[in-house]
Amino acid sequence: MLIQEQDIQQVANEVINMLHEEEIQVINDFYDAVVAKDIDKIDELFKVVMFDIEDHFKTEEDMMEQNNYSHFQVHKSDHDTMREKLKKFHKRWEILKGPTELQGFLEKDFKKWLILHISKWDTETALHLANSN
């Protein structure tokens, strides 16, 4: 398990909290396969991770746009940075099938990014959404 539920701050929006809970489950399943070096399972779950994260980001971005969130572009830019990193790692995975490299990325980069992103951008966005209604 990479991410404990208590690692992730709850925000003032239930939809965003639900997205985070689902993502934690998907990421933890993926991480467990990576640690186990289960190549077939990593192949399968990497696609699930890519889909889930895109769905998560797109849902948040749609909510921000619909509510005229003033920091939309900066928040989206942070999503885009992670989208690019994940695409890069997925391409490398397709060629090298290197679970050790993936494990390092998940432990050192992704987990830290997710916790910081939620505590800063998602928290701020959720407050804006709550005040918009």
C-alpha atoms as a PDB file:
ATOM      1  CA  MET A   1       0.000   0.000   0.000  1.00  0.00           C
ATOM      2  CA  LEU A   2       1.413   3.336  -1.067  1.00  0.00           C
ATOM      3  CA  ILE A   3      -1.160   5.812   0.224  1.00  0.00           C
ATOM      4  CA  GLN A   4      -3.159   5.590   3.439  1.00  0.00           C
ATOM      5  CA  GLU A   5      -6.549   7.304   3.566  1.00  0.00           C
ATOM      6  CA  GLN A   6      -5.300   9.564   6.355  1.00  0.00           C
ATOM      7  CA  ASP A   7      -2.466  10.784   4.063  1.00  0.00           C
ATOM      8  CA  ILE A   8      -5.068  12.565   1.944  1.00  0.00           C
ATOM      9  CA  GLN A   9      -6.748  15.672   3.246  1.00  0.00           C
ATOM     10  CA  GLN A  10     -10.529  15.814   3.019  1.00  0.00           C
ATOM     11  CA  VAL A  11     -11.804  18.836   1.086  1.00  0.00           C
ATOM     12  CA  ALA A  12     -15.058  20.812   1.192  1.00  0.00           C
ATOM     13  CA  ASN A  13     -16.556  18.951  -1.784  1.00  0.00           C
ATOM     14  CA  GLU A  14     -17.903  15.412  -1.624  1.00  0.00           C
ATOM     15  CA  VAL A  15     -17.439  14.731  -5.339  1.00  0.00           C
ATOM     16  CA  ILE A  16     -13.739  15.598  -5.122  1.00  0.00           C
ATOM     17  CA  ASN A  17     -13.359  13.515  -1.944  1.00  0.00           C
ATOM     18  CA  MET A  18     -14.984  10.570  -3.713  1.00  0.00           C
ATOM     19  CA  LEU A  19     -12.631  10.974  -6.694  1.00  0.00           C
ATOM     20  CA  HIS A  20      -9.678  10.898  -4.299  1.00  0.00           C
ATOM     21  CA  GLU A  21     -10.932   7.770  -2.514  1.00  0.00           C
ATOM     22  CA  GLU A  22     -11.350   5.944  -5.827  1.00  0.00           C
ATOM     23  CA  GLU A  23      -7.934   7.091  -7.028  1.00  0.00           C
ATOM     24  CA  ILE A  24      -6.213   5.951  -3.826  1.00  0.00           C
ATOM     25  CA  GLN A  25      -7.698   2.472  -4.300  1.00  0.00           C
ATOM     26  CA  VAL A  26      -6.587   2.286  -7.955  1.00  0.00           C
ATOM     27  CA  ILE A  27      -3.093   3.611  -7.166  1.00  0.00           C
ATOM     28  CA  ASN A  28      -2.662   1.233  -4.224  1.00  0.00           C
ATOM     29  CA  ASP A  29      -3.689  -1.780  -6.331  1.00  0.00           C
ATOM     30  CA  PHE A  30      -1.258  -0.638  -9.024  1.00  0.00           C
ATOM     31  CA  TYR A  31       1.524  -0.070  -6.497  1.00  0.00           C
ATOM     32  CA  ASP A  32       1.019  -3.537  -4.987  1.00  0.00           C
ATOM     33  CA  ALA A  33       1.389  -5.075  -8.470  1.00  0.00           C
ATOM     34  CA  VAL A  34       4.527  -2.975  -9.065  1.00  0.00           C
ATOM     35  CA  VAL A  35       6.103  -4.061  -5.765  1.00  0.00           C
ATOM     36  CA  ALA A  36       5.228  -7.690  -6.571  1.00  0.00           C
ATOM     37  CA  LYS A  37       6.814  -7.197 -10.033  1.00  0.00           C
ATOM     38  CA  ASP A  38       3.690  -8.765 -11.572  1.00  0.00           C
ATOM     39  CA  ILE A  39       4.248  -7.677 -15.190  1.00  0.00           C
ATOM     40  CA  ASP A  40       0.857  -8.816 -16.507  1.00  0.00           C
ATOM     41  CA  LYS A  41      -1.032  -7.132 -13.681  1.00  0.00           C
ATOM     42  CA  ILE A  42       1.016  -3.937 -14.075  1.00  0.00           C
ATOM     43  CA  ASP A  43       0.174  -3.946 -17.818  1.00  0.00           C
ATOM     44  CA  GLU A  44      -3.518  -4.251 -17.003  1.00  0.00           C
ATOM     45  CA  LEU A  45      -3.590  -1.785 -14.093  1.00  0.00           C
ATOM     46  CA  PHE A  46      -1.432   0.882 -15.773  1.00  0.00           C
ATOM     47  CA  LYS A  47      -4.277   1.400 -18.279  1.00  0.00           C
ATOM     48  CA  VAL A  48      -6.762   1.624 -15.394  1.00  0.00           C
ATOM     49  CA  VAL A  49      -4.551   4.196 -13.632  1.00  0.00           C
ATOM     50  CA  MET A  50      -4.262   6.313 -16.787  1.00  0.00           C
ATOM     51  CA  PHE A  51      -8.034   6.233 -17.334  1.00  0.00           C
ATOM     52  CA  ASP A  52      -8.860   6.921 -13.677  1.00  0.00           C
ATOM     53  CA  ILE A  53      -6.494   9.853 -13.354  1.00  0.00           C
ATOM     54  CA  GLU A  54      -7.728  11.414 -16.594  1.00  0.00           C
ATOM     55  CA  ASP A  55     -11.333  11.004 -15.434  1.00  0.00           C
ATOM     56  CA  HIS A  56     -10.442  12.522 -12.031  1.00  0.00           C
ATOM     57  CA  PHE A  57      -8.629  15.516 -13.542  1.00  0.00           C
ATOM     58  CA  LYS A  58     -11.282  16.127 -16.204  1.00  0.00           C
ATOM     59  CA  THR A  59     -14.093  16.026 -13.629  1.00  0.00           C
ATOM     60  CA  GLU A  60     -12.331  18.599 -11.451  1.00  0.00           C
ATOM     61  CA  GLU A  61     -11.520  20.770 -14.466  1.00  0.00           C
ATOM     62  CA  ASP A  62     -15.143  20.697 -15.638  1.00  0.00           C
ATOM     63  CA  MET A  63     -16.318  21.700 -12.150  1.00  0.00           C
ATOM     64  CA  MET A  64     -13.803  24.563 -12.048  1.00  0.00           C
ATOM     65  CA  GLU A  65     -14.845  25.850 -15.472  1.00  0.00           C
ATOM     66  CA  GLN A  66     -18.555  25.662 -14.667  1.00  0.00           C
ATOM     67  CA  ASN A  67     -17.956  27.708 -11.516  1.00  0.00           C
ATOM     68  CA  ASN A  68     -15.564  30.258 -13.063  1.00  0.00           C
ATOM     69  CA  TYR A  69     -12.721  29.337 -10.734  1.00  0.00           C
ATOM     70  CA  SER A  70     -10.116  32.094 -11.079  1.00  0.00           C
ATOM     71  CA  HIS A  71      -7.115  29.775 -10.655  1.00  0.00           C
ATOM     72  CA  PHE A  72      -8.390  27.241 -13.160  1.00  0.00           C
ATOM     73  CA  GLN A  73      -5.376  27.509 -15.482  1.00  0.00           C
ATOM     74  CA  VAL A  74      -2.794  27.084 -12.713  1.00  0.00           C
ATOM     75  CA  HIS A  75      -4.650  24.096 -11.232  1.00  0.00           C
ATOM     76  CA  LYS A  76      -5.062  22.529 -14.677  1.00  0.00           C
ATOM     77  CA  SER A  77      -1.373  23.162 -15.396  1.00  0.00           C
ATOM     78  CA  ASP A  78      -0.481  21.119 -12.316  1.00  0.00           C
ATOM     79  CA  HIS A  79      -2.710  18.317 -13.645  1.00  0.00           C
ATOM     80  CA  ASP A  80      -1.068  18.624 -17.074  1.00  0.00           C
ATOM     81  CA  THR A  81       2.401  18.252 -15.561  1.00  0.00           C
ATOM     82  CA  MET A  82       1.374  14.959 -13.938  1.00  0.00           C
ATOM     83  CA  ARG A  83      -0.443  13.823 -17.099  1.00  0.00           C
ATOM     84  CA  GLU A  84       2.811  14.257 -19.036  1.00  0.00           C
ATOM     85  CA  LYS A  85       4.875  12.412 -16.423  1.00  0.00           C
ATOM     86  CA  LEU A  86       2.434   9.509 -16.405  1.00  0.00           C
ATOM     87  CA  LYS A  87       2.417   9.338 -20.215  1.00  0.00           C
ATOM     88  CA  LYS A  88       6.216   9.308 -20.219  1.00  0.00           C
ATOM     89  CA  PHE A  89       6.348   6.515 -17.643  1.00  0.00           C
ATOM     90  CA  HIS A  90       3.678   4.554 -19.499  1.00  0.00           C
ATOM     91  CA  LYS A  91       5.678   4.780 -22.749  1.00  0.00           C
ATOM     92  CA  ARG A  92       8.831   3.688 -20.915  1.00  0.00           C
ATOM     93  CA  TRP A  93       6.890   0.855 -19.291  1.00  0.00           C
ATOM     94  CA  GLU A  94       5.673  -0.378 -22.680  1.00  0.00           C
ATOM     95  CA  ILE A  95       9.294  -0.638 -23.857  1.00  0.00           C
ATOM     96  CA  LEU A  96      11.275  -1.606 -20.745  1.00  0.00           C
ATOM     97  CA  LYS A  97       8.753  -3.269 -18.408  1.00  0.00           C
ATOM     98  CA  GLY A  98      10.777  -1.943 -15.453  1.00  0.00           C
ATOM     99  CA  PRO A  99       8.841  -2.230 -12.183  1.00  0.00           C
ATOM    100  CA  THR A 100      11.745  -0.834 -10.129  1.00  0.00           C
ATOM    101  CA  GLU A 101      11.661   2.447 -12.054  1.00  0.00           C
ATOM    102  CA  LEU A 102       7.878   2.650 -11.638  1.00  0.00           C
ATOM    103  CA  GLN A 103       8.134   1.932  -7.927  1.00  0.00           C
ATOM    104  CA  GLY A 104      10.622   4.773  -7.506  1.00  0.00           C
ATOM    105  CA  PHE A 105       8.350   7.179  -9.390  1.00  0.00           C
ATOM    106  CA  LEU A 106       5.301   6.211  -7.326  1.00  0.00           C
ATOM    107  CA  GLU A 107       7.119   6.426  -3.980  1.00  0.00           C
ATOM    108  CA  LYS A 108       9.272   9.492  -4.589  1.00  0.00           C
ATOM    109  CA  ASP A 109       7.292  11.624  -7.038  1.00  0.00           C
ATOM    110  CA  PHE A 110       3.664  10.644  -7.424  1.00  0.00           C
ATOM    111  CA  LYS A 111       2.743  10.223  -3.745  1.00  0.00           C
ATOM    112  CA  LYS A 112       4.356  13.512  -2.737  1.00  0.00           C
ATOM    113  CA  TRP A 113       2.776  15.327  -5.690  1.00  0.00           C
ATOM    114  CA  LEU A 114      -0.707  13.942  -4.946  1.00  0.00           C
ATOM    115  CA  ILE A 115      -0.620  14.873  -1.249  1.00  0.00           C
ATOM    116  CA  LEU A 116       0.647  18.397  -2.000  1.00  0.00           C
ATOM    117  CA  HIS A 117      -1.733  18.903  -4.928  1.00  0.00           C
ATOM    118  CA  ILE A 118      -4.753  17.949  -2.831  1.00  0.00           C
ATOM    119  CA  SER A 119      -3.707  20.017   0.187  1.00  0.00           C
ATOM    120  CA  LYS A 120      -3.147  23.109  -1.978  1.00  0.00           C
ATOM    121  CA  TRP A 121      -5.138  23.103  -5.201  1.00  0.00           C
ATOM    122  CA  ASP A 122      -8.002  20.729  -4.497  1.00  0.00           C
ATOM    123  CA  THR A 123      -8.621  22.240  -1.058  1.00  0.00           C
ATOM    124  CA  GLU A 124      -8.691  25.757  -2.512  1.00  0.00           C
ATOM    125  CA  THR A 125     -10.880  24.663  -5.441  1.00  0.00           C
ATOM    126  CA  ALA A 126     -13.350  22.880  -3.134  1.00  0.00           C
ATOM    127  CA  LEU A 127     -13.692  26.014  -0.998  1.00  0.00           C
ATOM    128  CA  HIS A 128     -14.386  28.073  -4.113  1.00  0.00           C
ATOM    129  CA  LEU A 129     -16.984  25.543  -5.271  1.00  0.00           C
ATOM    130  CA  ALA A 130     -18.641  25.532  -1.829  1.00  0.00           C
ATOM    131  CA  ASN A 131     -18.799  29.347  -1.819  1.00  0.00           C
ATOM    132  CA  SER A 132     -20.175  29.436  -5.373  1.00  0.00           C
ATOM    133  CA  ASN A 133     -23.334  27.571  -4.424  1.00  0.00           C
END
